[in-house]
Amino acid sequence: MDLREYLARYPHDVAFGEEDPEAVFDRYHAPGFVLYNDGVVLDRERLLAHVRPARKRAVSVHTEIHDALIAGDRVAARYTLTAVMRRGDSITTEIFLFGELAQDGRLQRLDQLTRAA
């Protein structure tokens, strides 16, 4: 897996791509993937449910990657995600990510801490 590519492409592809969000999600995430975001557990279904309304409310998303590391089956990153909304406002979030890769190289688990930037 190319972690920098994932961080840059996945948010855009899942929110604005022409493919179904499910296909985009499955390309990057292994079966059974779980995200722990600020202590909230999000599985595939909950994450995809979050994407559908985001497709209607946002007009663009940009990722600024500050640090990204892969060591064996572990990943870590610090990045800023900015979403521009249809009403003209922006939401900017700094994200600290730690994760584990499945044997096939897709993400198996992510733990994220976020804060408004």
N, C-alpha and C. Protein backbone atom coordinates (compact mmCIF):
# COMPACT_ATOMS: atom_id res chain seq x y z
N MET A 1 0.84 -1.18 0.00
CA MET A 1 0.00 0.00 0.00
C MET A 1 0.88 1.24 0.00
N ASP A 2 0.46 2.22 -0.75
CA ASP A 2 1.10 3.53 -0.76
C ASP A 2 0.23 4.42 0.13
N LEU A 3 0.68 4.66 1.36
CA LEU A 3 -0.11 5.39 2.34
C LEU A 3 -0.41 6.81 1.89
N ARG A 4 0.56 7.47 1.31
CA ARG A 4 0.34 8.85 0.84
C ARG A 4 -0.73 8.88 -0.26
N GLU A 5 -0.68 7.91 -1.15
CA GLU A 5 -1.70 7.85 -2.20
C GLU A 5 -3.08 7.62 -1.60
N TYR A 6 -3.17 6.71 -0.64
CA TYR A 6 -4.44 6.45 0.04
C TYR A 6 -5.00 7.72 0.67
N LEU A 7 -4.16 8.42 1.44
CA LEU A 7 -4.62 9.62 2.14
C LEU A 7 -5.07 10.71 1.18
N ALA A 8 -4.40 10.81 0.05
CA ALA A 8 -4.74 11.84 -0.94
C ALA A 8 -5.93 11.44 -1.81
N ARG A 9 -6.00 10.18 -2.22
CA ARG A 9 -7.00 9.76 -3.20
C ARG A 9 -8.31 9.25 -2.60
N TYR A 10 -8.21 8.47 -1.54
CA TYR A 10 -9.42 7.83 -1.01
C TYR A 10 -10.53 8.84 -0.68
N PRO A 11 -10.26 9.92 0.09
CA PRO A 11 -11.37 10.84 0.41
C PRO A 11 -12.02 11.43 -0.85
N HIS A 12 -11.21 11.75 -1.84
CA HIS A 12 -11.77 12.31 -3.08
C HIS A 12 -12.54 11.25 -3.85
N ASP A 13 -11.94 10.07 -4.04
CA ASP A 13 -12.58 9.02 -4.83
C ASP A 13 -13.90 8.55 -4.21
N VAL A 14 -13.93 8.39 -2.88
CA VAL A 14 -15.14 7.89 -2.24
C VAL A 14 -16.24 8.95 -2.22
N ALA A 15 -15.86 10.23 -2.15
CA ALA A 15 -16.86 11.29 -2.08
C ALA A 15 -17.29 11.82 -3.44
N PHE A 16 -16.37 11.83 -4.41
CA PHE A 16 -16.67 12.48 -5.69
C PHE A 16 -16.43 11.62 -6.92
N GLY A 17 -15.91 10.42 -6.73
CA GLY A 17 -15.61 9.56 -7.87
C GLY A 17 -16.85 9.05 -8.57
N GLU A 18 -16.64 8.52 -9.75
CA GLU A 18 -17.75 7.98 -10.53
C GLU A 18 -18.11 6.56 -10.11
N GLU A 19 -17.19 5.87 -9.44
CA GLU A 19 -17.46 4.51 -8.95
C GLU A 19 -18.37 4.57 -7.74
N ASP A 20 -19.07 3.46 -7.49
CA ASP A 20 -19.86 3.34 -6.27
C ASP A 20 -18.94 3.45 -5.07
N PRO A 21 -19.37 4.13 -4.01
CA PRO A 21 -18.53 4.23 -2.82
C PRO A 21 -18.11 2.86 -2.26
N GLU A 22 -18.97 1.86 -2.41
CA GLU A 22 -18.65 0.52 -1.91
C GLU A 22 -17.42 -0.05 -2.62
N ALA A 23 -17.34 0.14 -3.93
CA ALA A 23 -16.19 -0.37 -4.70
C ALA A 23 -14.91 0.35 -4.30
N VAL A 24 -15.01 1.66 -4.11
CA VAL A 24 -13.84 2.44 -3.69
C VAL A 24 -13.40 1.97 -2.30
N PHE A 25 -14.34 1.85 -1.40
CA PHE A 25 -14.03 1.41 -0.04
C PHE A 25 -13.32 0.06 -0.05
N ASP A 26 -13.86 -0.90 -0.79
CA ASP A 26 -13.30 -2.26 -0.80
C ASP A 26 -11.93 -2.33 -1.46
N ARG A 27 -11.61 -1.41 -2.33
CA ARG A 27 -10.29 -1.38 -2.96
C ARG A 27 -9.19 -1.11 -1.92
N TYR A 28 -9.49 -0.30 -0.93
CA TYR A 28 -8.50 0.13 0.06
C TYR A 28 -8.58 -0.58 1.40
N HIS A 29 -9.72 -1.21 1.70
CA HIS A 29 -9.96 -1.78 3.03
C HIS A 29 -10.26 -3.27 2.95
N ALA A 30 -9.64 -4.04 3.83
CA ALA A 30 -9.84 -5.49 3.89
C ALA A 30 -11.21 -5.80 4.49
N PRO A 31 -11.74 -7.00 4.21
CA PRO A 31 -12.98 -7.42 4.87
C PRO A 31 -12.80 -7.36 6.39
N GLY A 32 -13.82 -6.90 7.07
CA GLY A 32 -13.75 -6.79 8.53
C GLY A 32 -13.07 -5.52 9.01
N PHE A 33 -12.74 -4.61 8.09
CA PHE A 33 -12.09 -3.35 8.46
C PHE A 33 -12.89 -2.62 9.54
N VAL A 34 -12.16 -2.04 10.50
CA VAL A 34 -12.78 -1.25 11.55
C VAL A 34 -11.96 0.02 11.76
N LEU A 35 -12.66 1.15 11.89
CA LEU A 35 -12.05 2.43 12.19
C LEU A 35 -12.50 2.86 13.59
N TYR A 36 -11.54 3.18 14.44
CA TYR A 36 -11.83 3.75 15.75
C TYR A 36 -11.49 5.22 15.65
N ASN A 37 -12.52 6.06 15.50
CA ASN A 37 -12.32 7.49 15.28
C ASN A 37 -12.74 8.24 16.55
N ASP A 38 -11.76 8.79 17.25
CA ASP A 38 -12.01 9.49 18.51
C ASP A 38 -12.84 8.62 19.46
N GLY A 39 -12.56 7.33 19.48
CA GLY A 39 -13.24 6.40 20.37
C GLY A 39 -14.53 5.82 19.84
N VAL A 40 -15.01 6.30 18.70
CA VAL A 40 -16.25 5.80 18.10
C VAL A 40 -15.89 4.71 17.09
N VAL A 41 -16.52 3.54 17.23
CA VAL A 41 -16.24 2.41 16.35
C VAL A 41 -17.09 2.53 15.08
N LEU A 42 -16.41 2.52 13.92
CA LEU A 42 -17.09 2.61 12.64
C LEU A 42 -16.67 1.44 11.77
N ASP A 43 -17.63 0.61 11.41
CA ASP A 43 -17.34 -0.49 10.49
C ASP A 43 -17.69 -0.06 9.07
N ARG A 44 -17.59 -0.97 8.14
CA ARG A 44 -17.83 -0.67 6.72
C ARG A 44 -19.19 -0.01 6.51
N GLU A 45 -20.23 -0.57 7.08
CA GLU A 45 -21.58 -0.06 6.86
C GLU A 45 -21.75 1.35 7.41
N ARG A 46 -21.23 1.59 8.60
CA ARG A 46 -21.35 2.94 9.19
C ARG A 46 -20.53 3.96 8.41
N LEU A 47 -19.36 3.57 7.93
CA LEU A 47 -18.54 4.49 7.14
C LEU A 47 -19.21 4.83 5.82
N LEU A 48 -19.75 3.82 5.16
CA LEU A 48 -20.44 4.08 3.89
C LEU A 48 -21.70 4.92 4.09
N ALA A 49 -22.39 4.74 5.22
CA ALA A 49 -23.56 5.56 5.51
C ALA A 49 -23.15 7.02 5.71
N HIS A 50 -21.95 7.26 6.21
CA HIS A 50 -21.43 8.61 6.39
C HIS A 50 -21.09 9.25 5.04
N VAL A 51 -20.65 8.46 4.08
CA VAL A 51 -20.22 8.97 2.78
C VAL A 51 -21.40 9.48 1.96
N ARG A 52 -22.50 8.80 2.00
CA ARG A 52 -23.64 9.17 1.14
C ARG A 52 -24.09 10.62 1.33
N PRO A 53 -24.34 11.07 2.57
CA PRO A 53 -24.73 12.48 2.73
C PRO A 53 -23.58 13.44 2.43
N ALA A 54 -22.35 13.01 2.68
CA ALA A 54 -21.19 13.88 2.40
C ALA A 54 -21.11 14.19 0.91
N ARG A 55 -21.49 13.24 0.08
CA ARG A 55 -21.49 13.46 -1.37
C ARG A 55 -22.43 14.59 -1.76
N LYS A 56 -23.49 14.79 -0.99
CA LYS A 56 -24.46 15.83 -1.29
C LYS A 56 -24.06 17.19 -0.72
N ARG A 57 -23.34 17.19 0.42
CA ARG A 57 -23.04 18.45 1.12
C ARG A 57 -21.71 19.07 0.72
N ALA A 58 -20.73 18.28 0.31
CA ALA A 58 -19.40 18.81 0.01
C ALA A 58 -19.20 18.99 -1.49
N VAL A 59 -18.36 19.96 -1.85
CA VAL A 59 -18.04 20.18 -3.26
C VAL A 59 -16.59 19.82 -3.58
N SER A 60 -15.74 19.80 -2.54
CA SER A 60 -14.35 19.39 -2.77
C SER A 60 -13.72 18.96 -1.45
N VAL A 61 -12.63 18.23 -1.58
CA VAL A 61 -11.86 17.80 -0.41
C VAL A 61 -10.39 17.86 -0.78
N HIS A 62 -9.58 18.29 0.17
CA HIS A 62 -8.14 18.40 -0.05
C HIS A 62 -7.41 17.82 1.16
N THR A 63 -6.36 17.05 0.89
CA THR A 63 -5.57 16.46 1.95
C THR A 63 -4.15 17.01 1.89
N GLU A 64 -3.67 17.53 3.01
CA GLU A 64 -2.28 17.95 3.13
C GLU A 64 -1.59 16.96 4.07
N ILE A 65 -0.67 16.18 3.52
CA ILE A 65 -0.01 15.13 4.29
C ILE A 65 1.26 15.71 4.91
N HIS A 66 1.33 15.65 6.23
CA HIS A 66 2.49 16.17 6.95
C HIS A 66 3.52 15.07 7.20
N ASP A 67 3.06 13.88 7.60
CA ASP A 67 3.92 12.74 7.87
C ASP A 67 3.18 11.47 7.50
N ALA A 68 3.89 10.50 6.93
CA ALA A 68 3.30 9.20 6.62
C ALA A 68 4.39 8.15 6.70
N LEU A 69 4.08 7.04 7.35
CA LEU A 69 5.09 6.00 7.58
C LEU A 69 4.44 4.62 7.49
N ILE A 70 5.13 3.71 6.84
CA ILE A 70 4.75 2.29 6.86
C ILE A 70 5.95 1.51 7.35
N ALA A 71 5.74 0.65 8.34
CA ALA A 71 6.79 -0.21 8.88
C ALA A 71 6.18 -1.60 9.04
N GLY A 72 6.54 -2.50 8.14
CA GLY A 72 5.93 -3.83 8.15
C GLY A 72 4.45 -3.72 7.88
N ASP A 73 3.64 -4.23 8.82
CA ASP A 73 2.19 -4.16 8.63
C ASP A 73 1.55 -3.01 9.41
N ARG A 74 2.35 -2.04 9.83
CA ARG A 74 1.86 -0.90 10.60
C ARG A 74 1.96 0.38 9.78
N VAL A 75 0.99 1.27 9.97
CA VAL A 75 1.00 2.57 9.29
C VAL A 75 0.76 3.66 10.32
N ALA A 76 1.28 4.84 10.04
CA ALA A 76 1.04 6.01 10.88
C ALA A 76 1.09 7.24 9.98
N ALA A 77 0.26 8.22 10.31
CA ALA A 77 0.25 9.45 9.52
C ALA A 77 -0.30 10.60 10.35
N ARG A 78 0.10 11.79 9.92
CA ARG A 78 -0.46 13.03 10.44
C ARG A 78 -0.78 13.88 9.22
N TYR A 79 -2.04 14.26 9.10
CA TYR A 79 -2.44 15.02 7.92
C TYR A 79 -3.61 15.94 8.24
N THR A 80 -3.86 16.88 7.34
CA THR A 80 -4.97 17.81 7.49
C THR A 80 -5.91 17.60 6.31
N LEU A 81 -7.18 17.44 6.63
CA LEU A 81 -8.22 17.24 5.62
C LEU A 81 -9.14 18.45 5.63
N THR A 82 -9.33 19.06 4.47
CA THR A 82 -10.23 20.21 4.35
C THR A 82 -11.33 19.88 3.36
N ALA A 83 -12.56 20.03 3.80
CA ALA A 83 -13.72 19.83 2.93
C ALA A 83 -14.40 21.18 2.73
N VAL A 84 -14.68 21.51 1.48
CA VAL A 84 -15.42 22.74 1.15
C VAL A 84 -16.87 22.32 0.92
N MET A 85 -17.76 22.98 1.64
CA MET A 85 -19.17 22.62 1.61
C MET A 85 -19.92 23.45 0.57
N ARG A 86 -21.06 22.96 0.15
CA ARG A 86 -21.88 23.65 -0.87
C ARG A 86 -22.28 25.06 -0.43
N ARG A 87 -22.45 25.27 0.86
CA ARG A 87 -22.84 26.61 1.35
C ARG A 87 -21.66 27.58 1.38
N GLY A 88 -20.45 27.09 1.02
CA GLY A 88 -19.29 27.96 0.96
C GLY A 88 -18.36 27.88 2.15
N ASP A 89 -18.80 27.26 3.24
CA ASP A 89 -17.93 27.14 4.40
C ASP A 89 -16.98 25.96 4.23
N SER A 90 -15.93 25.94 5.03
CA SER A 90 -14.95 24.86 4.99
C SER A 90 -14.85 24.21 6.36
N ILE A 91 -14.57 22.91 6.34
CA ILE A 91 -14.32 22.16 7.57
C ILE A 91 -12.90 21.61 7.45
N THR A 92 -12.02 22.02 8.37
CA THR A 92 -10.64 21.57 8.34
C THR A 92 -10.36 20.77 9.61
N THR A 93 -9.82 19.57 9.43
CA THR A 93 -9.57 18.66 10.54
C THR A 93 -8.13 18.14 10.47
N GLU A 94 -7.43 18.21 11.58
CA GLU A 94 -6.10 17.59 11.67
C GLU A 94 -6.31 16.17 12.18
N ILE A 95 -5.68 15.21 11.52
CA ILE A 95 -5.91 13.80 11.82
C ILE A 95 -4.59 13.11 12.13
N PHE A 96 -4.60 12.35 13.23
CA PHE A 96 -3.47 11.52 13.63
C PHE A 96 -3.95 10.08 13.50
N LEU A 97 -3.31 9.31 12.64
CA LEU A 97 -3.78 7.99 12.26
C LEU A 97 -2.72 6.93 12.57
N PHE A 98 -3.16 5.82 13.12
CA PHE A 98 -2.30 4.65 13.37
C PHE A 98 -3.09 3.44 12.90
N GLY A 99 -2.43 2.53 12.19
CA GLY A 99 -3.21 1.41 11.68
C GLY A 99 -2.42 0.15 11.43
N GLU A 100 -3.17 -0.82 10.93
CA GLU A 100 -2.63 -2.16 10.66
C GLU A 100 -3.10 -2.60 9.27
N LEU A 101 -2.16 -3.16 8.52
CA LEU A 101 -2.47 -3.68 7.19
C LEU A 101 -2.80 -5.16 7.26
N ALA A 102 -3.72 -5.60 6.41
CA ALA A 102 -4.00 -7.03 6.23
C ALA A 102 -2.89 -7.63 5.38
N GLN A 103 -2.85 -8.93 5.28
CA GLN A 103 -1.81 -9.61 4.50
C GLN A 103 -1.83 -9.20 3.03
N ASP A 104 -3.00 -8.83 2.51
CA ASP A 104 -3.08 -8.44 1.10
C ASP A 104 -2.70 -6.97 0.87
N GLY A 105 -2.30 -6.26 1.94
CA GLY A 105 -1.85 -4.89 1.81
C GLY A 105 -2.92 -3.83 1.99
N ARG A 106 -4.19 -4.25 2.10
CA ARG A 106 -5.24 -3.29 2.36
C ARG A 106 -5.32 -3.00 3.86
N LEU A 107 -5.96 -1.91 4.21
CA LEU A 107 -6.09 -1.55 5.62
C LEU A 107 -7.04 -2.49 6.34
N GLN A 108 -6.62 -2.95 7.53
CA GLN A 108 -7.42 -3.84 8.35
C GLN A 108 -8.07 -3.09 9.52
N ARG A 109 -7.31 -2.14 10.07
CA ARG A 109 -7.77 -1.39 11.25
C ARG A 109 -7.11 -0.02 11.25
N LEU A 110 -7.86 0.99 11.64
CA LEU A 110 -7.29 2.32 11.84
C LEU A 110 -7.78 2.86 13.17
N ASP A 111 -6.88 3.52 13.87
CA ASP A 111 -7.21 4.30 15.08
C ASP A 111 -6.88 5.74 14.74
N GLN A 112 -7.86 6.62 14.88
CA GLN A 112 -7.65 8.03 14.54
C GLN A 112 -8.03 8.93 15.71
N LEU A 113 -7.24 9.96 15.86
CA LEU A 113 -7.56 11.06 16.76
C LEU A 113 -7.67 12.30 15.90
N THR A 114 -8.68 13.10 16.12
CA THR A 114 -8.88 14.28 15.29
C THR A 114 -9.07 15.52 16.15
N ARG A 115 -8.80 16.67 15.53
CA ARG A 115 -9.10 17.95 16.16
C ARG A 115 -9.34 18.98 15.06
N ALA A 116 -10.19 19.93 15.37
CA ALA A 116 -10.43 21.01 14.41
C ALA A 116 -9.15 21.79 14.21
N ALA A 117 -8.85 22.09 12.97
CA ALA A 117 -7.61 22.81 12.67
C ALA A 117 -7.90 24.29 12.47
